[in-house]
Amino acid sequence: MKKIILILISIIAMQAAVAQQTTKPAATTKGNVKYLTTNDFLTKIWNYRVDSLAWNYRSTRPCVIDFYATWCGPCKMLSPIVEQLSNEQPGIDFYKVDVDKEKELAAVFGVRSIPMLLFVPKRGTPQAVQGLQSKEVLMRIIDHVIYGRAPQATQQPAQQQ
């Protein structure tokens, strides 16, 4: 009988702990990076439920959206780079979307591999990049997609004849 009571107390304690964890509000920001829910996305970025046929960007500032998962190793490696960029690029909004929590949003963008970054200019079409990228590569993408600067050609050393 004592074992049954102990088991019941243990179950109740575990349920209380789980309930307490799920009722805690999730972090909404980390540095200059804000976390987006699907509802936030519909309000701030694009309401694909209403404007399903065409991209209709709602913000006046460009943004970068990091689609990630908490269990993803490359996502964890990319996170500090995105945070650095958010501090260095004050004219761009940076967001994170947890694909496990925001499955609808991940499906809308066809996220099949993470990390995936979506670069959204004020005007024009967003562009996605999958996989872990260096800060230098991300800066080149920001220059090209967000600021519309032509990619710089890599200079090769002149060959001697």
C-alpha atoms as a PDB file:
ATOM      1  CA  MET A   1       0.000   0.000   0.000  1.00  0.00           C
ATOM      2  CA  LYS A   2       2.870   2.397   0.826  1.00  0.00           C
ATOM      3  CA  LYS A   3       4.391   1.742  -2.620  1.00  0.00           C
ATOM      4  CA  ILE A   4       1.150   2.669  -4.346  1.00  0.00           C
ATOM      5  CA  ILE A   5       0.877   5.898  -2.357  1.00  0.00           C
ATOM      6  CA  LEU A   6       4.500   6.772  -3.148  1.00  0.00           C
ATOM      7  CA  ILE A   7       3.901   6.089  -6.854  1.00  0.00           C
ATOM      8  CA  LEU A   8       0.777   8.264  -6.835  1.00  0.00           C
ATOM      9  CA  ILE A   9       2.612  11.088  -5.067  1.00  0.00           C
ATOM     10  CA  SER A  10       5.451  10.811  -7.588  1.00  0.00           C
ATOM     11  CA  ILE A  11       3.035  10.969 -10.520  1.00  0.00           C
ATOM     12  CA  ILE A  12       1.261  13.999  -9.081  1.00  0.00           C
ATOM     13  CA  ALA A  13       4.586  15.739  -8.431  1.00  0.00           C
ATOM     14  CA  MET A  14       5.758  15.056 -12.013  1.00  0.00           C
ATOM     15  CA  GLN A  15       2.484  16.337 -13.451  1.00  0.00           C
ATOM     16  CA  ALA A  16       2.771  19.495 -11.362  1.00  0.00           C
ATOM     17  CA  ALA A  17       6.332  20.042 -12.559  1.00  0.00           C
ATOM     18  CA  VAL A  18       5.320  19.567 -16.207  1.00  0.00           C
ATOM     19  CA  ALA A  19       2.345  21.911 -15.782  1.00  0.00           C
ATOM     20  CA  GLN A  20       4.604  24.532 -14.226  1.00  0.00           C
ATOM     21  CA  GLN A  21       7.070  24.291 -17.127  1.00  0.00           C
ATOM     22  CA  THR A  22       4.383  24.629 -19.783  1.00  0.00           C
ATOM     23  CA  THR A  23       2.780  27.640 -18.119  1.00  0.00           C
ATOM     24  CA  LYS A  24       6.012  29.626 -17.893  1.00  0.00           C
ATOM     25  CA  PRO A  25       6.150  32.230 -20.627  1.00  0.00           C
ATOM     26  CA  ALA A  26       8.732  31.462 -23.269  1.00  0.00           C
ATOM     27  CA  ALA A  27      11.585  33.880 -23.778  1.00  0.00           C
ATOM     28  CA  THR A  28      10.515  36.547 -26.231  1.00  0.00           C
ATOM     29  CA  THR A  29      13.913  38.001 -27.011  1.00  0.00           C
ATOM     30  CA  LYS A  30      17.582  37.178 -26.830  1.00  0.00           C
ATOM     31  CA  GLY A  31      19.729  40.217 -27.414  1.00  0.00           C
ATOM     32  CA  ASN A  32      18.251  41.972 -30.436  1.00  0.00           C
ATOM     33  CA  VAL A  33      16.708  38.752 -31.749  1.00  0.00           C
ATOM     34  CA  LYS A  34      12.983  38.360 -31.136  1.00  0.00           C
ATOM     35  CA  TYR A  35      11.133  35.057 -31.092  1.00  0.00           C
ATOM     36  CA  LEU A  36       8.174  34.799 -33.482  1.00  0.00           C
ATOM     37  CA  THR A  37       5.032  32.749 -33.137  1.00  0.00           C
ATOM     38  CA  THR A  38       2.806  32.062 -36.118  1.00  0.00           C
ATOM     39  CA  ASN A  39       0.373  34.745 -34.937  1.00  0.00           C
ATOM     40  CA  ASP A  40       3.211  37.277 -34.603  1.00  0.00           C
ATOM     41  CA  PHE A  41       4.377  36.374 -38.099  1.00  0.00           C
ATOM     42  CA  LEU A  42       0.883  36.881 -39.532  1.00  0.00           C
ATOM     43  CA  THR A  43       0.722  40.334 -37.944  1.00  0.00           C
ATOM     44  CA  LYS A  44       4.284  41.598 -38.410  1.00  0.00           C
ATOM     45  CA  ILE A  45       5.625  39.869 -41.514  1.00  0.00           C
ATOM     46  CA  TRP A  46       3.044  38.385 -43.917  1.00  0.00           C
ATOM     47  CA  ASN A  47      -0.524  37.219 -43.453  1.00  0.00           C
ATOM     48  CA  TYR A  48      -0.396  34.260 -45.822  1.00  0.00           C
ATOM     49  CA  ARG A  49      -3.889  33.242 -44.737  1.00  0.00           C
ATOM     50  CA  VAL A  50      -5.283  36.414 -46.317  1.00  0.00           C
ATOM     51  CA  ASP A  51      -2.645  37.138 -48.997  1.00  0.00           C
ATOM     52  CA  SER A  52      -2.044  33.543 -50.016  1.00  0.00           C
ATOM     53  CA  LEU A  53      -1.358  34.277 -53.675  1.00  0.00           C
ATOM     54  CA  ALA A  54       1.328  36.922 -53.311  1.00  0.00           C
ATOM     55  CA  TRP A  55       4.005  37.984 -50.877  1.00  0.00           C
ATOM     56  CA  ASN A  56       2.773  41.107 -49.086  1.00  0.00           C
ATOM     57  CA  TYR A  57       5.406  42.216 -46.603  1.00  0.00           C
ATOM     58  CA  ARG A  58       3.868  44.160 -43.721  1.00  0.00           C
ATOM     59  CA  SER A  59       6.936  45.748 -42.118  1.00  0.00           C
ATOM     60  CA  THR A  60       8.790  48.905 -43.052  1.00  0.00           C
ATOM     61  CA  ARG A  61      12.137  47.362 -42.049  1.00  0.00           C
ATOM     62  CA  PRO A  62      13.925  44.411 -43.641  1.00  0.00           C
ATOM     63  CA  CYS A  63      14.315  41.299 -41.533  1.00  0.00           C
ATOM     64  CA  VAL A  64      16.146  38.015 -41.182  1.00  0.00           C
ATOM     65  CA  ILE A  65      14.258  35.022 -39.826  1.00  0.00           C
ATOM     66  CA  ASP A  66      16.141  32.086 -38.333  1.00  0.00           C
ATOM     67  CA  PHE A  67      14.162  28.824 -38.484  1.00  0.00           C
ATOM     68  CA  TYR A  68      15.707  26.544 -35.871  1.00  0.00           C
ATOM     69  CA  ALA A  69      15.110  23.774 -33.334  1.00  0.00           C
ATOM     70  CA  THR A  70      16.422  23.561 -29.784  1.00  0.00           C
ATOM     71  CA  TRP A  71      17.907  20.089 -30.395  1.00  0.00           C
ATOM     72  CA  CYS A  72      19.747  21.068 -33.605  1.00  0.00           C
ATOM     73  CA  GLY A  73      23.551  21.274 -33.249  1.00  0.00           C
ATOM     74  CA  PRO A  74      24.160  23.507 -36.301  1.00  0.00           C
ATOM     75  CA  CYS A  75      21.321  25.777 -35.111  1.00  0.00           C
ATOM     76  CA  LYS A  76      23.085  26.197 -31.775  1.00  0.00           C
ATOM     77  CA  MET A  77      26.302  27.076 -33.597  1.00  0.00           C
ATOM     78  CA  LEU A  78      24.504  29.612 -35.813  1.00  0.00           C
ATOM     79  CA  SER A  79      22.645  31.327 -32.971  1.00  0.00           C
ATOM     80  CA  PRO A  80      25.565  33.446 -31.659  1.00  0.00           C
ATOM     81  CA  ILE A  81      26.371  34.538 -35.221  1.00  0.00           C
ATOM     82  CA  VAL A  82      22.778  35.694 -35.736  1.00  0.00           C
ATOM     83  CA  GLU A  83      22.923  37.514 -32.387  1.00  0.00           C
ATOM     84  CA  GLN A  84      26.168  39.269 -33.443  1.00  0.00           C
ATOM     85  CA  LEU A  85      24.603  40.321 -36.729  1.00  0.00           C
ATOM     86  CA  SER A  86      21.521  41.626 -34.916  1.00  0.00           C
ATOM     87  CA  ASN A  87      23.787  43.860 -32.822  1.00  0.00           C
ATOM     88  CA  GLU A  88      25.782  45.043 -35.842  1.00  0.00           C
ATOM     89  CA  GLN A  89      22.813  45.634 -38.171  1.00  0.00           C
ATOM     90  CA  PRO A  90      20.443  47.991 -36.305  1.00  0.00           C
ATOM     91  CA  GLY A  91      18.374  48.669 -39.444  1.00  0.00           C
ATOM     92  CA  ILE A  92      17.341  45.018 -39.759  1.00  0.00           C
ATOM     93  CA  ASP A  93      14.917  43.125 -37.529  1.00  0.00           C
ATOM     94  CA  PHE A  94      16.112  39.649 -36.539  1.00  0.00           C
ATOM     95  CA  TYR A  95      13.676  36.903 -35.578  1.00  0.00           C
ATOM     96  CA  LYS A  96      13.802  33.242 -34.566  1.00  0.00           C
ATOM     97  CA  VAL A  97      11.118  30.646 -35.275  1.00  0.00           C
ATOM     98  CA  ASP A  98      11.178  27.326 -33.415  1.00  0.00           C
ATOM     99  CA  VAL A  99      10.053  24.839 -36.090  1.00  0.00           C
ATOM    100  CA  ASP A 100       8.898  22.333 -33.473  1.00  0.00           C
ATOM    101  CA  LYS A 101       6.547  24.864 -31.890  1.00  0.00           C
ATOM    102  CA  GLU A 102       5.511  26.676 -35.095  1.00  0.00           C
ATOM    103  CA  LYS A 103       4.880  23.772 -37.471  1.00  0.00           C
ATOM    104  CA  GLU A 104       2.403  25.662 -39.642  1.00  0.00           C
ATOM    105  CA  LEU A 105       4.892  28.441 -40.266  1.00  0.00           C
ATOM    106  CA  ALA A 106       7.663  25.962 -41.033  1.00  0.00           C
ATOM    107  CA  ALA A 107       5.345  24.199 -43.501  1.00  0.00           C
ATOM    108  CA  VAL A 108       4.446  27.470 -45.266  1.00  0.00           C
ATOM    109  CA  PHE A 109       8.128  28.001 -46.061  1.00  0.00           C
ATOM    110  CA  GLY A 110       8.816  24.342 -46.790  1.00  0.00           C
ATOM    111  CA  VAL A 111      11.437  24.076 -44.070  1.00  0.00           C
ATOM    112  CA  ARG A 112      12.914  20.604 -44.521  1.00  0.00           C
ATOM    113  CA  SER A 113      16.401  21.239 -43.225  1.00  0.00           C
ATOM    114  CA  ILE A 114      17.534  23.456 -40.399  1.00  0.00           C
ATOM    115  CA  PRO A 115      18.971  25.873 -39.728  1.00  0.00           C
ATOM    116  CA  MET A 116      17.289  27.900 -42.448  1.00  0.00           C
ATOM    117  CA  LEU A 117      17.562  31.663 -42.670  1.00  0.00           C
ATOM    118  CA  LEU A 118      15.017  33.735 -44.564  1.00  0.00           C
ATOM    119  CA  PHE A 119      16.313  37.122 -45.737  1.00  0.00           C
ATOM    120  CA  VAL A 120      13.450  39.561 -46.293  1.00  0.00           C
ATOM    121  CA  PRO A 121      14.099  42.883 -48.033  1.00  0.00           C
ATOM    122  CA  LYS A 122      11.644  45.793 -47.679  1.00  0.00           C
ATOM    123  CA  ARG A 123      10.716  45.286 -51.310  1.00  0.00           C
ATOM    124  CA  GLY A 124      11.182  42.206 -53.394  1.00  0.00           C
ATOM    125  CA  THR A 125      11.167  38.502 -52.795  1.00  0.00           C
ATOM    126  CA  PRO A 126      12.589  36.879 -49.673  1.00  0.00           C
ATOM    127  CA  GLN A 127      15.434  34.437 -50.163  1.00  0.00           C
ATOM    128  CA  ALA A 128      16.228  31.404 -48.028  1.00  0.00           C
ATOM    129  CA  VAL A 129      19.591  29.872 -47.187  1.00  0.00           C
ATOM    130  CA  GLN A 130      19.855  26.474 -45.541  1.00  0.00           C
ATOM    131  CA  GLY A 131      22.589  25.144 -43.327  1.00  0.00           C
ATOM    132  CA  LEU A 132      25.234  26.586 -41.079  1.00  0.00           C
ATOM    133  CA  GLN A 133      26.905  29.580 -42.712  1.00  0.00           C
ATOM    134  CA  SER A 134      29.804  31.744 -41.611  1.00  0.00           C
ATOM    135  CA  LYS A 135      29.274  35.321 -40.536  1.00  0.00           C
ATOM    136  CA  GLU A 136      31.111  36.507 -43.655  1.00  0.00           C
ATOM    137  CA  VAL A 137      28.777  34.569 -45.960  1.00  0.00           C
ATOM    138  CA  LEU A 138      25.730  35.890 -44.104  1.00  0.00           C
ATOM    139  CA  MET A 139      27.047  39.458 -44.421  1.00  0.00           C
ATOM    140  CA  ARG A 140      27.407  38.993 -48.192  1.00  0.00           C
ATOM    141  CA  ILE A 141      23.841  37.684 -48.389  1.00  0.00           C
ATOM    142  CA  ILE A 142      22.571  40.631 -46.326  1.00  0.00           C
ATOM    143  CA  ASP A 143      24.441  43.051 -48.608  1.00  0.00           C
ATOM    144  CA  HIS A 144      22.973  41.419 -51.702  1.00  0.00           C
ATOM    145  CA  VAL A 145      19.395  40.562 -50.644  1.00  0.00           C
ATOM    146  CA  ILE A 146      18.600  43.207 -48.024  1.00  0.00           C
ATOM    147  CA  TYR A 147      20.614  46.165 -49.347  1.00  0.00           C
ATOM    148  CA  GLY A 148      20.519  45.247 -53.037  1.00  0.00           C
ATOM    149  CA  ARG A 149      24.263  45.556 -53.544  1.00  0.00           C
ATOM    150  CA  ALA A 150      25.750  43.501 -56.324  1.00  0.00           C
ATOM    151  CA  PRO A 151      27.854  40.587 -55.119  1.00  0.00           C
ATOM    152  CA  GLN A 152      31.541  41.341 -55.296  1.00  0.00           C
ATOM    153  CA  ALA A 153      33.504  39.176 -57.650  1.00  0.00           C
ATOM    154  CA  THR A 154      36.264  37.252 -55.999  1.00  0.00           C
ATOM    155  CA  GLN A 155      39.570  38.530 -57.194  1.00  0.00           C
ATOM    156  CA  GLN A 156      41.965  35.935 -58.432  1.00  0.00           C
ATOM    157  CA  PRO A 157      45.676  36.594 -58.517  1.00  0.00           C
ATOM    158  CA  ALA A 158      47.014  37.523 -61.940  1.00  0.00           C
ATOM    159  CA  GLN A 159      48.769  34.666 -63.613  1.00  0.00           C
ATOM    160  CA  GLN A 160      52.364  35.217 -64.599  1.00  0.00           C
ATOM    161  CA  GLN A 161      53.342  34.332 -68.092  1.00  0.00           C
END
